[in-house]
């Protein structure tokens, strides 16, 4: 069985968020960094349905899990000042 290949744009679309590159970057900059003691799906900026989707993707090791992990890493990175 072939698994779907997902990227950040498709994950943001699935979550009902603007999925342009600019919007994704803005979302990450606006909401990160998420503290290490908070599980990604428990971050305050998710709606209940978004949090459920993210939690299930990881718990069930669904085909979305890899890209959810990538988003998790991006949201944990500290912001750099330029």
Protein backbone atom coordinates (compact mmCIF):
# COMPACT_ATOMS: atom_id res chain seq x y z
CA UNK A 1 0.00 0.00 0.00
CA UNK A 2 1.37 3.41 -0.98
CA UNK A 3 1.27 6.20 1.59
CA UNK A 4 0.47 9.77 0.67
CA UNK A 5 3.30 12.25 0.64
CA UNK A 6 2.38 15.39 2.55
CA UNK A 7 4.13 18.73 2.91
CA UNK A 8 3.60 21.76 5.13
CA UNK A 9 1.23 23.35 2.62
CA UNK A 10 -1.01 20.28 2.55
CA UNK A 11 -0.93 20.03 6.37
CA UNK A 12 -1.96 23.68 6.74
CA UNK A 13 -4.76 23.12 4.23
CA UNK A 14 -5.89 20.04 6.17
CA UNK A 15 -5.91 22.14 9.35
CA UNK A 16 -8.04 24.79 7.62
CA UNK A 17 -5.26 27.38 7.66
CA UNK A 18 -3.87 29.58 4.91
CA UNK A 19 -1.30 27.39 3.20
CA UNK A 20 0.78 29.87 1.23
CA UNK A 21 4.51 29.91 2.01
CA UNK A 22 4.19 33.42 3.44
CA UNK A 23 1.26 32.44 5.68
CA UNK A 24 3.05 29.33 6.95
CA UNK A 25 6.16 31.34 7.80
CA UNK A 26 4.01 33.98 9.51
CA UNK A 27 2.15 31.33 11.53
CA UNK A 28 5.40 29.76 12.72
CA UNK A 29 6.91 33.14 13.61
CA UNK A 30 3.75 34.30 15.37
CA UNK A 31 3.18 31.12 17.41
CA UNK A 32 6.69 29.86 18.10
CA UNK A 33 8.67 28.99 19.93
CA UNK A 34 6.44 26.51 21.73
CA UNK A 35 7.97 25.64 25.13
CA UNK A 36 9.43 22.14 25.37
CA UNK A 37 7.11 21.23 28.25
CA UNK A 38 4.00 21.67 26.06
CA UNK A 39 2.94 18.86 23.74
CA UNK A 40 2.34 20.28 20.24
CA UNK A 41 -1.39 19.53 20.12
CA UNK A 42 -1.85 21.22 23.53
CA UNK A 43 -0.49 24.59 22.35
CA UNK A 44 -3.07 27.31 22.97
CA UNK A 45 -3.33 28.49 19.38
CA UNK A 46 -4.99 25.32 17.98
CA UNK A 47 -8.74 24.91 17.70
CA UNK A 48 -10.17 21.74 19.26
CA UNK A 49 -10.46 20.03 15.86
CA UNK A 50 -6.91 21.00 14.84
CA UNK A 51 -5.52 19.73 18.16
CA UNK A 52 -7.42 16.45 17.76
CA UNK A 53 -6.09 15.97 14.23
CA UNK A 54 -2.47 16.61 15.30
CA UNK A 55 -2.78 14.31 18.33
CA UNK A 56 -4.30 11.48 16.29
CA UNK A 57 -1.73 11.84 13.49
CA UNK A 58 1.09 11.21 15.96
CA UNK A 59 -0.62 8.60 18.15
CA UNK A 60 -1.72 6.51 15.19
CA UNK A 61 1.54 7.09 13.29
CA UNK A 62 -0.66 8.13 10.39
CA UNK A 63 0.74 9.21 7.04
CA UNK A 64 0.53 12.78 8.37
CA UNK A 65 2.86 12.00 11.31
CA UNK A 66 6.12 12.88 9.56
CA UNK A 67 4.98 16.34 8.48
CA UNK A 68 3.37 16.98 11.88
CA UNK A 69 6.77 16.16 13.40
CA UNK A 70 8.38 18.64 11.01
CA UNK A 71 5.91 21.35 12.06
CA UNK A 72 6.64 20.50 15.69
CA UNK A 73 10.37 21.08 15.13
CA UNK A 74 9.73 24.37 13.31
CA UNK A 75 7.49 25.64 16.10
CA UNK A 76 10.12 24.80 18.74
CA UNK A 77 12.97 26.76 17.15
CA UNK A 78 13.80 30.03 18.88
CA UNK A 79 13.27 33.18 16.87
CA UNK A 80 16.40 34.91 15.66
CA UNK A 81 16.68 38.66 15.58
CA UNK A 82 18.24 40.17 12.49
